[in-house]
Amino acid sequence: MEEVNHRSDNPYTKMEGYLVLDASGEEVGEIEDTVYDAPSDVLKYVVVRGRPIPAERIEVDAEKQNASVPYDSSTLESAPKMEEPSGAFDEAVREHFS
């Protein structure tokens, strides 16, 4: 299945700009991009400082416009850099955050 980030169809772009907090509650950046798989209607990643974070592992507070992740800042900083999603890339990201 081809994965495409259809910006116009992506309902998650409103999260871009939200502040991101790590597991200790410290600010680690903001959501720069959202990677949405339109064919399966799934948000795959949020991108923070050029690094993808699996979307299923974040907690979003739309009222406060922030998101919390269950990782420390060093785990986030050492994540693979964002690239075109593929099976191999998805596997590398899952392995890093497992």
N, C-alpha and C. Protein backbone atom coordinates (compact mmCIF):
# COMPACT_ATOMS: atom_id res chain seq x y z
N MET A 1 0.84 -1.17 0.00
CA MET A 1 0.00 0.00 0.00
C MET A 1 0.89 1.24 0.00
N GLU A 2 0.59 2.16 -0.86
CA GLU A 2 1.36 3.40 -0.94
C GLU A 2 0.94 4.33 0.20
N GLU A 3 1.91 4.87 0.88
CA GLU A 3 1.64 5.79 1.97
C GLU A 3 1.91 7.20 1.48
N VAL A 4 0.91 8.05 1.60
CA VAL A 4 1.04 9.41 1.11
C VAL A 4 0.56 10.36 2.19
N ASN A 5 1.27 11.44 2.37
CA ASN A 5 0.88 12.45 3.33
C ASN A 5 0.09 13.52 2.59
N HIS A 6 -1.20 13.29 2.41
CA HIS A 6 -2.07 14.23 1.70
C HIS A 6 -2.35 15.42 2.62
N ARG A 7 -1.59 16.50 2.47
CA ARG A 7 -1.72 17.65 3.37
C ARG A 7 -3.16 18.15 3.41
N SER A 8 -3.82 18.22 2.29
CA SER A 8 -5.18 18.76 2.28
C SER A 8 -6.17 17.82 2.96
N ASP A 9 -5.87 16.53 3.00
CA ASP A 9 -6.76 15.56 3.63
C ASP A 9 -6.37 15.26 5.07
N ASN A 10 -5.23 15.77 5.52
CA ASN A 10 -4.69 15.43 6.83
C ASN A 10 -5.43 16.22 7.92
N PRO A 11 -6.25 15.53 8.72
CA PRO A 11 -6.99 16.24 9.77
C PRO A 11 -6.11 16.60 10.97
N TYR A 12 -4.86 16.16 10.97
CA TYR A 12 -3.99 16.36 12.12
C TYR A 12 -3.07 17.57 11.99
N THR A 13 -3.12 18.28 10.87
CA THR A 13 -2.24 19.44 10.71
C THR A 13 -2.49 20.50 11.78
N LYS A 14 -3.69 20.50 12.37
CA LYS A 14 -3.98 21.48 13.43
C LYS A 14 -3.10 21.28 14.66
N MET A 15 -2.46 20.10 14.79
CA MET A 15 -1.55 19.84 15.90
C MET A 15 -0.18 20.47 15.68
N GLU A 16 0.13 20.84 14.47
CA GLU A 16 1.43 21.43 14.18
C GLU A 16 1.56 22.74 14.95
N GLY A 17 2.67 22.88 15.65
CA GLY A 17 2.89 24.03 16.51
C GLY A 17 2.64 23.73 17.98
N TYR A 18 2.00 22.59 18.27
CA TYR A 18 1.78 22.22 19.68
C TYR A 18 3.13 21.99 20.36
N LEU A 19 3.23 22.40 21.60
CA LEU A 19 4.41 22.18 22.43
C LEU A 19 4.49 20.69 22.79
N VAL A 20 5.69 20.12 22.80
CA VAL A 20 5.87 18.70 23.15
C VAL A 20 6.68 18.61 24.43
N LEU A 21 6.16 17.81 25.36
CA LEU A 21 6.80 17.60 26.66
C LEU A 21 7.29 16.16 26.76
N ASP A 22 8.49 15.97 27.31
CA ASP A 22 9.02 14.62 27.46
C ASP A 22 8.45 13.96 28.72
N ALA A 23 8.93 12.77 29.05
CA ALA A 23 8.40 12.00 30.17
C ALA A 23 8.54 12.73 31.50
N SER A 24 9.52 13.63 31.61
CA SER A 24 9.70 14.37 32.86
C SER A 24 8.95 15.69 32.87
N GLY A 25 8.22 15.98 31.78
CA GLY A 25 7.46 17.21 31.69
C GLY A 25 8.24 18.39 31.14
N GLU A 26 9.47 18.13 30.69
CA GLU A 26 10.31 19.20 30.12
C GLU A 26 9.96 19.42 28.65
N GLU A 27 10.00 20.65 28.22
CA GLU A 27 9.75 21.00 26.83
C GLU A 27 10.88 20.48 25.96
N VAL A 28 10.54 19.77 24.88
CA VAL A 28 11.56 19.24 23.96
C VAL A 28 11.40 19.77 22.55
N GLY A 29 10.43 20.61 22.33
CA GLY A 29 10.22 21.18 21.00
C GLY A 29 8.75 21.33 20.71
N GLU A 30 8.44 21.42 19.44
CA GLU A 30 7.04 21.50 19.03
C GLU A 30 6.81 20.60 17.84
N ILE A 31 5.56 20.27 17.62
CA ILE A 31 5.23 19.41 16.47
C ILE A 31 5.41 20.24 15.22
N GLU A 32 6.37 19.81 14.39
CA GLU A 32 6.69 20.51 13.15
C GLU A 32 5.86 20.00 11.98
N ASP A 33 5.51 18.73 12.05
CA ASP A 33 4.81 18.09 10.94
C ASP A 33 4.04 16.90 11.48
N THR A 34 3.02 16.51 10.75
CA THR A 34 2.27 15.29 11.07
C THR A 34 2.28 14.41 9.84
N VAL A 35 2.57 13.15 10.02
CA VAL A 35 2.62 12.21 8.90
C VAL A 35 1.37 11.33 8.99
N TYR A 36 0.51 11.53 8.03
CA TYR A 36 -0.81 10.91 7.99
C TYR A 36 -0.89 9.96 6.80
N ASP A 37 -1.31 8.74 7.07
CA ASP A 37 -1.51 7.76 6.01
C ASP A 37 -2.98 7.81 5.61
N ALA A 38 -3.27 8.55 4.56
CA ALA A 38 -4.65 8.76 4.14
C ALA A 38 -5.40 7.47 3.78
N PRO A 39 -4.76 6.51 3.06
CA PRO A 39 -5.51 5.30 2.71
C PRO A 39 -6.04 4.53 3.93
N SER A 40 -5.27 4.51 5.01
CA SER A 40 -5.74 3.79 6.20
C SER A 40 -6.33 4.73 7.25
N ASP A 41 -6.33 6.06 6.97
CA ASP A 41 -6.87 7.07 7.87
C ASP A 41 -6.23 7.01 9.25
N VAL A 42 -4.88 6.96 9.26
CA VAL A 42 -4.12 6.82 10.50
C VAL A 42 -3.02 7.89 10.57
N LEU A 43 -2.92 8.54 11.73
CA LEU A 43 -1.78 9.41 11.98
C LEU A 43 -0.63 8.51 12.39
N LYS A 44 0.45 8.52 11.63
CA LYS A 44 1.58 7.63 11.90
C LYS A 44 2.58 8.26 12.85
N TYR A 45 3.01 9.48 12.55
CA TYR A 45 4.04 10.13 13.33
C TYR A 45 3.72 11.60 13.53
N VAL A 46 4.28 12.14 14.61
CA VAL A 46 4.44 13.58 14.72
C VAL A 46 5.94 13.80 14.64
N VAL A 47 6.34 14.89 14.04
CA VAL A 47 7.76 15.17 13.84
C VAL A 47 8.15 16.32 14.76
N VAL A 48 9.17 16.06 15.59
CA VAL A 48 9.68 17.04 16.54
C VAL A 48 11.18 17.14 16.34
N ARG A 49 11.65 18.35 16.03
CA ARG A 49 13.08 18.58 15.78
C ARG A 49 13.64 17.62 14.72
N GLY A 50 12.82 17.37 13.69
CA GLY A 50 13.25 16.53 12.58
C GLY A 50 13.22 15.04 12.85
N ARG A 51 12.65 14.64 13.99
CA ARG A 51 12.61 13.22 14.38
C ARG A 51 11.16 12.76 14.51
N PRO A 52 10.84 11.59 13.95
CA PRO A 52 9.47 11.08 14.06
C PRO A 52 9.24 10.43 15.42
N ILE A 53 8.06 10.65 15.96
CA ILE A 53 7.63 9.99 17.19
C ILE A 53 6.33 9.26 16.84
N PRO A 54 6.25 7.96 17.15
CA PRO A 54 5.02 7.22 16.83
C PRO A 54 3.80 7.89 17.46
N ALA A 55 2.81 8.15 16.66
CA ALA A 55 1.64 8.89 17.12
C ALA A 55 0.85 8.14 18.18
N GLU A 56 0.85 6.82 18.13
CA GLU A 56 0.06 6.07 19.09
C GLU A 56 0.61 6.17 20.51
N ARG A 57 1.78 6.75 20.65
CA ARG A 57 2.40 6.85 21.97
C ARG A 57 2.38 8.26 22.55
N ILE A 58 1.67 9.16 21.91
CA ILE A 58 1.60 10.52 22.45
C ILE A 58 0.22 10.77 23.05
N GLU A 59 0.18 11.68 24.00
CA GLU A 59 -1.08 12.13 24.59
C GLU A 59 -1.22 13.60 24.25
N VAL A 60 -2.33 13.94 23.62
CA VAL A 60 -2.55 15.31 23.16
C VAL A 60 -3.57 16.01 24.05
N ASP A 61 -3.26 17.23 24.43
CA ASP A 61 -4.19 18.08 25.17
C ASP A 61 -4.49 19.26 24.25
N ALA A 62 -5.58 19.15 23.49
CA ALA A 62 -5.91 20.18 22.51
C ALA A 62 -6.20 21.53 23.17
N GLU A 63 -6.77 21.51 24.36
CA GLU A 63 -7.08 22.76 25.06
C GLU A 63 -5.81 23.53 25.39
N LYS A 64 -4.78 22.83 25.84
CA LYS A 64 -3.50 23.47 26.18
C LYS A 64 -2.56 23.55 24.99
N GLN A 65 -2.96 22.93 23.88
CA GLN A 65 -2.17 22.86 22.66
C GLN A 65 -0.77 22.31 22.94
N ASN A 66 -0.76 21.14 23.61
CA ASN A 66 0.51 20.45 23.82
C ASN A 66 0.32 18.96 23.71
N ALA A 67 1.44 18.26 23.66
CA ALA A 67 1.45 16.80 23.57
C ALA A 67 2.53 16.28 24.50
N SER A 68 2.26 15.19 25.17
CA SER A 68 3.23 14.55 26.06
C SER A 68 3.65 13.23 25.45
N VAL A 69 4.94 12.92 25.58
CA VAL A 69 5.47 11.67 25.07
C VAL A 69 6.13 10.91 26.23
N PRO A 70 6.07 9.57 26.21
CA PRO A 70 6.62 8.79 27.33
C PRO A 70 8.11 8.48 27.19
N TYR A 71 8.87 9.42 26.67
CA TYR A 71 10.30 9.21 26.42
C TYR A 71 11.09 10.36 27.01
N ASP A 72 12.36 10.08 27.35
CA ASP A 72 13.23 11.17 27.80
C ASP A 72 13.82 11.87 26.58
N SER A 73 14.41 13.03 26.83
CA SER A 73 14.91 13.84 25.71
C SER A 73 16.02 13.15 24.94
N SER A 74 16.87 12.35 25.60
CA SER A 74 17.95 11.69 24.87
C SER A 74 17.42 10.63 23.92
N THR A 75 16.32 9.96 24.29
CA THR A 75 15.69 8.98 23.38
C THR A 75 15.15 9.70 22.16
N LEU A 76 14.54 10.85 22.36
CA LEU A 76 13.99 11.62 21.24
C LEU A 76 15.10 12.13 20.34
N GLU A 77 16.18 12.63 20.93
CA GLU A 77 17.29 13.18 20.14
C GLU A 77 18.03 12.12 19.34
N SER A 78 18.01 10.87 19.81
CA SER A 78 18.74 9.81 19.11
C SER A 78 17.86 9.02 18.14
N ALA A 79 16.61 9.43 17.99
CA ALA A 79 15.70 8.75 17.05
C ALA A 79 16.19 8.97 15.61
N PRO A 80 15.79 8.07 14.70
CA PRO A 80 16.16 8.28 13.30
C PRO A 80 15.61 9.61 12.79
N LYS A 81 16.35 10.24 11.89
CA LYS A 81 15.85 11.47 11.27
C LYS A 81 14.69 11.12 10.35
N MET A 82 13.75 12.02 10.25
CA MET A 82 12.58 11.80 9.41
C MET A 82 12.99 11.64 7.96
N GLU A 83 12.42 10.64 7.32
CA GLU A 83 12.60 10.41 5.89
C GLU A 83 11.28 9.93 5.33
N GLU A 84 11.24 9.70 4.05
CA GLU A 84 10.02 9.22 3.41
C GLU A 84 9.60 7.90 4.07
N PRO A 85 8.37 7.83 4.59
CA PRO A 85 7.94 6.59 5.24
C PRO A 85 8.00 5.39 4.29
N SER A 86 8.50 4.28 4.84
CA SER A 86 8.57 3.02 4.11
C SER A 86 8.53 1.92 5.16
N GLY A 87 8.42 0.70 4.74
CA GLY A 87 8.41 -0.40 5.68
C GLY A 87 9.68 -0.45 6.51
N ALA A 88 10.83 -0.26 5.88
CA ALA A 88 12.12 -0.30 6.60
C ALA A 88 12.23 0.87 7.57
N PHE A 89 11.79 2.04 7.15
CA PHE A 89 11.84 3.20 8.04
C PHE A 89 10.91 3.01 9.24
N ASP A 90 9.69 2.54 8.98
CA ASP A 90 8.74 2.28 10.07
C ASP A 90 9.33 1.29 11.07
N GLU A 91 9.98 0.26 10.58
CA GLU A 91 10.60 -0.74 11.46
C GLU A 91 11.72 -0.12 12.30
N ALA A 92 12.53 0.73 11.70
CA ALA A 92 13.62 1.37 12.45
C ALA A 92 13.07 2.28 13.55
N VAL A 93 12.00 2.99 13.25
CA VAL A 93 11.39 3.87 14.25
C VAL A 93 10.77 3.03 15.38
N ARG A 94 10.04 1.98 15.02
CA ARG A 94 9.44 1.11 16.05
C ARG A 94 10.51 0.51 16.93
N GLU A 95 11.60 0.04 16.32
CA GLU A 95 12.69 -0.56 17.09
C GLU A 95 13.31 0.46 18.04
N HIS A 96 13.52 1.68 17.58
CA HIS A 96 14.12 2.70 18.42
C HIS A 96 13.26 3.01 19.65
N PHE A 97 11.96 3.07 19.46
CA PHE A 97 11.06 3.45 20.54
C PHE A 97 10.48 2.27 21.32
N SER A 98 10.96 1.05 21.04
CA SER A 98 10.41 -0.11 21.76
C SER A 98 11.07 -0.31 23.10
